[in-house]
Amino acid sequence: MPAPIGLQLYTIRDFLGKDYEGGVRKIADMGYVGVETAGFPGTTPEKAAKLFRELGLEVTSAHVGLPIGKDKQPILDLMNTIGSKRIISGLWADQFKTDDEIKKSCDKFNESSAVATANGMTFGIHNHWWEFLKVGDRYAYQIMLEYLDPNVFFELDVYWVQTAGLDPVAVTREFGARAPLLHIKDGPAVQKVPTTAVGDGKVDIPGIIEAAKPTAQWMIVELDACATDMMEAVQKSYTYLTTTKLARGRK
């Protein structure tokens, strides 16, 4: 059976800022099984959680900061409020430019994972393109895998992998069970150029999903920007992924 389909709500952030409830209801009506949060524009976590429950939307995960230091308890409280066990975070490009910087970043990720585990949760990293650039004679992600605790998982953004110049099908296969969540997006795979609806770009979506089939738990659509109407692109992405049986929706 295909993995269920979710939407990273950052995709429709402009709509949510004006009408959060209306936007989420549209996503549920389309047939998305779950949502991934990244802030709560125009609402509160409590109101959003109530809405998700009403609509039967599973909260797959949440994009937040690192749950360490002063941010530890607020993030744990947020996760408990929205009813999700997967904490997703990351760091910026400057923190992956050298082996030493990568180790320091991984130390923070490992600390975050330990906090998550102690509180009945898991911690994952969402990548951009910079984790898939060369650092010396290796790629940054290969150095990361050397330093990371095995409990740290990846939410593999296949589009950024291709934008960095690597083959996302091969990388997805390489990560295997280490990447239970996939961020599915499409487009020209060129930085600063808008993405497209899934299925309309240059990313081998069927190949990626085939490579992920044995281990993927969720296919999460995320479109950072779009040259067309974003809500239409979200609907088109859902239709493409479900009618081709690459992901499972509610319709």
Protein backbone atom coordinates (compact mmCIF):
# COMPACT_ATOMS: atom_id res chain seq x y z
CA MET A 1 0.00 0.00 0.00
CA PRO A 2 1.35 3.47 -0.83
CA ALA A 3 2.39 5.76 2.01
CA PRO A 4 -0.19 8.39 3.04
CA ILE A 5 0.04 11.92 1.70
CA GLY A 6 0.45 15.01 3.87
CA LEU A 7 1.01 18.70 3.27
CA GLN A 8 3.61 20.95 4.85
CA LEU A 9 1.39 23.90 5.77
CA TYR A 10 4.23 26.35 5.09
CA THR A 11 3.21 25.78 1.46
CA ILE A 12 -0.03 27.76 1.94
CA ARG A 13 1.31 30.21 4.54
CA ASP A 14 -0.08 33.26 2.73
CA PHE A 15 -3.57 31.79 2.71
CA LEU A 16 -3.32 30.65 6.33
CA GLY A 17 -2.29 34.10 7.51
CA LYS A 18 -5.63 35.43 6.27
CA ASP A 19 -7.87 32.45 7.04
CA TYR A 20 -6.15 29.60 8.87
CA GLU A 21 -9.26 27.53 9.41
CA GLY A 22 -10.46 28.00 5.84
CA GLY A 23 -7.09 26.96 4.45
CA VAL A 24 -6.85 23.81 6.54
CA ARG A 25 -10.43 22.87 5.65
CA LYS A 26 -9.54 23.14 1.96
CA ILE A 27 -6.63 20.76 2.49
CA ALA A 28 -8.85 18.26 4.27
CA ASP A 29 -11.49 18.55 1.54
CA MET A 30 -8.87 17.79 -1.11
CA GLY A 31 -8.19 14.49 0.63
CA TYR A 32 -4.83 15.03 2.33
CA VAL A 33 -4.42 12.56 5.18
CA GLY A 34 -2.10 14.65 7.32
CA VAL A 35 -0.46 18.01 7.84
CA GLU A 36 2.96 19.14 8.97
CA THR A 37 3.08 22.43 10.85
CA ALA A 38 5.61 25.27 10.62
CA GLY A 39 4.24 28.02 12.83
CA PHE A 40 0.63 29.03 13.26
CA PRO A 41 -0.07 32.23 11.31
CA GLY A 42 -3.38 33.75 12.26
CA THR A 43 -4.19 31.19 14.97
CA THR A 44 -2.79 29.42 18.03
CA PRO A 45 -1.48 25.87 18.45
CA GLU A 46 -4.48 25.08 20.66
CA LYS A 47 -7.02 26.21 18.06
CA ALA A 48 -5.10 24.52 15.26
CA ALA A 49 -4.96 21.23 17.18
CA LYS A 50 -8.70 21.32 17.77
CA LEU A 51 -9.27 21.93 14.06
CA PHE A 52 -6.99 19.07 13.04
CA ARG A 53 -8.85 16.70 15.35
CA GLU A 54 -12.22 17.84 14.02
CA LEU A 55 -11.13 17.22 10.44
CA GLY A 56 -9.39 13.93 11.15
CA LEU A 57 -6.01 15.24 9.99
CA GLU A 58 -2.99 13.54 11.49
CA VAL A 59 -0.19 15.90 12.49
CA THR A 60 2.72 14.05 10.93
CA SER A 61 5.41 16.27 12.43
CA ALA A 62 6.27 19.88 13.22
CA HIS A 63 9.03 22.17 11.98
CA VAL A 64 10.39 23.94 15.05
CA GLY A 65 13.71 25.07 16.49
CA LEU A 66 16.09 22.77 18.30
CA PRO A 67 14.50 21.54 21.56
CA ILE A 68 17.49 22.47 23.70
CA GLY A 69 18.37 25.28 26.08
CA LYS A 70 15.63 27.85 26.64
CA ASP A 71 13.62 26.44 23.73
CA LYS A 72 13.39 22.94 25.19
CA GLN A 73 10.22 23.17 27.25
CA PRO A 74 8.26 25.47 24.90
CA ILE A 75 8.87 23.07 22.00
CA LEU A 76 7.94 20.02 24.04
CA ASP A 77 4.78 21.78 25.19
CA LEU A 78 3.93 22.69 21.59
CA MET A 79 4.40 19.12 20.41
CA ASN A 80 2.13 17.82 23.15
CA THR A 81 -0.48 20.45 22.31
CA ILE A 82 -0.69 19.52 18.63
CA GLY A 83 -0.42 15.80 19.32
CA SER A 84 2.67 15.00 17.26
CA LYS A 85 5.71 12.94 18.21
CA ARG A 86 8.10 13.94 15.42
CA ILE A 87 10.21 17.06 15.97
CA ILE A 88 11.79 18.37 12.76
CA SER A 89 14.51 20.99 12.65
CA GLY A 90 17.72 21.97 10.88
CA LEU A 91 20.52 24.51 10.73
CA TRP A 92 21.79 27.03 8.21
CA ALA A 93 24.37 26.70 5.46
CA ASP A 94 27.23 28.33 7.42
CA GLN A 95 27.02 25.50 9.94
CA PHE A 96 27.91 22.83 7.37
CA LYS A 97 30.91 24.35 5.59
CA THR A 98 33.71 22.54 7.41
CA ASP A 99 34.15 19.22 9.17
CA ASP A 100 34.37 21.00 12.53
CA GLU A 101 31.18 22.98 11.90
CA ILE A 102 29.37 19.83 10.83
CA LYS A 103 30.46 18.06 14.03
CA LYS A 104 29.21 20.97 16.15
CA SER A 105 25.88 20.89 14.29
CA CYS A 106 25.60 17.15 14.81
CA ASP A 107 26.32 17.58 18.53
CA LYS A 108 23.29 19.88 18.70
CA PHE A 109 21.18 17.42 16.72
CA ASN A 110 22.24 14.57 19.01
CA GLU A 111 21.37 16.61 22.09
CA SER A 112 17.99 17.42 20.55
CA SER A 113 17.38 13.75 19.84
CA ALA A 114 18.19 12.81 23.43
CA VAL A 115 15.64 15.36 24.67
CA ALA A 116 13.04 14.05 22.24
CA THR A 117 13.63 10.43 23.21
CA ALA A 118 13.43 11.22 26.93
CA ASN A 119 10.00 12.72 26.29
CA GLY A 120 8.56 9.95 24.13
CA MET A 121 9.29 11.70 20.83
CA THR A 122 11.74 11.45 17.95
CA PHE A 123 13.95 14.07 16.32
CA GLY A 124 14.62 14.47 12.60
CA ILE A 125 16.58 16.77 10.31
CA HIS A 126 15.06 18.53 7.31
CA ASN A 127 17.74 19.16 4.71
CA HIS A 128 18.28 21.91 2.18
CA TRP A 129 20.85 21.83 -0.61
CA TRP A 130 23.84 22.69 1.55
CA GLU A 131 23.93 19.30 3.31
CA PHE A 132 24.52 17.76 -0.15
CA LEU A 133 27.47 19.89 -1.20
CA LYS A 134 31.09 18.76 -1.09
CA VAL A 135 33.16 19.46 2.03
CA GLY A 136 36.66 18.38 1.16
CA ASP A 137 36.45 15.05 -0.63
CA ARG A 138 33.10 14.04 0.88
CA TYR A 139 29.57 15.36 0.88
CA ALA A 140 28.40 17.13 4.03
CA TYR A 141 25.64 14.58 4.64
CA GLN A 142 28.17 11.73 4.62
CA ILE A 143 30.12 13.48 7.36
CA MET A 144 26.87 14.05 9.24
CA LEU A 145 26.03 10.36 9.16
CA GLU A 146 29.39 9.65 10.76
CA TYR A 147 28.69 11.95 13.71
CA LEU A 148 24.93 11.57 14.20
CA ASP A 149 23.33 9.27 16.73
CA PRO A 150 21.44 6.50 14.87
CA ASN A 151 18.20 7.67 16.50
CA VAL A 152 18.31 10.91 14.50
CA PHE A 153 16.20 10.46 11.38
CA PHE A 154 15.94 12.54 8.21
CA GLU A 155 12.99 14.16 6.54
CA LEU A 156 14.59 13.95 3.13
CA ASP A 157 13.76 16.88 0.86
CA VAL A 158 14.32 15.27 -2.52
CA TYR A 159 14.08 18.54 -4.44
CA TRP A 160 16.97 20.13 -2.59
CA VAL A 161 19.03 16.99 -3.12
CA GLN A 162 18.61 17.40 -6.89
CA THR A 163 19.20 21.15 -6.70
CA ALA A 164 22.56 20.39 -5.08
CA GLY A 165 23.45 18.26 -8.10
CA LEU A 166 22.94 14.74 -6.73
CA ASP A 167 20.54 12.04 -7.88
CA PRO A 168 17.59 12.02 -5.44
CA VAL A 169 16.62 8.46 -6.40
CA ALA A 170 20.05 7.15 -5.43
CA VAL A 171 20.16 9.26 -2.27
CA THR A 172 16.68 8.10 -1.23
CA ARG A 173 17.76 4.50 -1.69
CA GLU A 174 20.96 5.17 0.27
CA PHE A 175 19.09 6.66 3.23
CA GLY A 176 16.49 3.90 3.34
CA ALA A 177 14.86 3.58 6.76
CA ARG A 178 16.89 6.56 8.01
CA ALA A 179 14.45 8.78 6.04
CA PRO A 180 10.91 7.74 7.02
CA LEU A 181 9.49 11.07 5.86
CA LEU A 182 9.99 12.50 2.38
CA HIS A 183 9.39 16.09 1.35
CA ILE A 184 7.97 15.78 -2.14
CA LYS A 185 8.33 18.85 -4.32
CA ASP A 186 9.00 19.45 -7.97
CA GLY A 187 10.25 22.11 -10.36
CA PRO A 188 13.35 23.04 -12.34
CA ALA A 189 15.71 22.21 -9.44
CA VAL A 190 17.36 25.60 -9.74
CA GLN A 191 17.86 27.87 -6.75
CA LYS A 192 15.68 31.00 -6.58
CA VAL A 193 13.38 29.72 -9.34
CA PRO A 194 9.80 28.87 -8.28
CA THR A 195 8.77 25.27 -7.78
CA THR A 196 5.86 23.71 -9.64
CA ALA A 197 3.01 21.38 -8.80
CA VAL A 198 4.34 17.87 -8.18
CA GLY A 199 4.49 16.07 -11.51
CA ASP A 200 5.13 19.21 -13.55
CA GLY A 201 8.87 19.56 -12.98
CA LYS A 202 12.14 17.77 -13.60
CA VAL A 203 12.29 15.58 -10.48
CA ASP A 204 11.83 11.83 -10.96
CA ILE A 205 9.02 11.53 -8.44
CA PRO A 206 8.02 7.95 -9.40
CA GLY A 207 11.63 6.80 -9.16
CA ILE A 208 12.09 8.40 -5.76
CA ILE A 209 8.90 6.90 -4.35
CA GLU A 210 9.79 3.48 -5.72
CA ALA A 211 13.17 3.74 -3.97
CA ALA A 212 11.45 4.79 -0.73
CA LYS A 213 8.62 2.25 -0.90
CA PRO A 214 10.05 -0.27 1.60
CA THR A 215 10.59 2.29 4.37
CA ALA A 216 8.67 5.55 3.77
CA GLN A 217 5.96 6.37 6.30
CA TRP A 218 4.72 9.66 4.79
CA MET A 219 4.92 11.56 1.50
CA ILE A 220 4.70 15.22 2.49
CA VAL A 221 4.11 17.75 -0.28
CA GLU A 222 5.92 21.05 0.16
CA LEU A 223 6.08 23.85 -2.40
CA ASP A 224 8.27 26.77 -1.32
CA ALA A 225 7.00 29.11 -4.02
CA CYS A 226 5.00 28.62 -7.19
CA ALA A 227 4.57 30.55 -10.43
CA THR A 228 0.91 29.44 -10.54
CA ASP A 229 -1.84 29.73 -7.92
CA MET A 230 -0.51 27.90 -4.85
CA MET A 231 -3.78 26.31 -3.78
CA GLU A 232 -4.32 25.01 -7.32
CA ALA A 233 -0.79 23.57 -7.29
CA VAL A 234 -1.50 21.86 -3.97
CA GLN A 235 -4.64 20.28 -5.44
CA LYS A 236 -2.79 19.28 -8.62
CA SER A 237 0.00 17.70 -6.56
CA TYR A 238 -2.52 15.66 -4.59
CA THR A 239 -4.29 14.52 -7.75
CA TYR A 240 -1.03 13.52 -9.43
CA LEU A 241 0.31 11.54 -6.47
CA THR A 242 -2.94 9.74 -5.68
CA THR A 243 -4.20 8.93 -9.18
CA THR A 244 -0.80 7.44 -10.04
CA LYS A 245 -0.93 5.49 -6.73
CA LEU A 246 2.36 7.03 -5.62
CA ALA A 247 0.71 8.11 -2.37
CA ARG A 248 -2.51 7.33 -0.54
CA GLY A 249 -5.14 9.98 0.12
CA ARG A 250 -8.55 9.94 1.75
CA LYS A 251 -10.38 10.06 -1.58
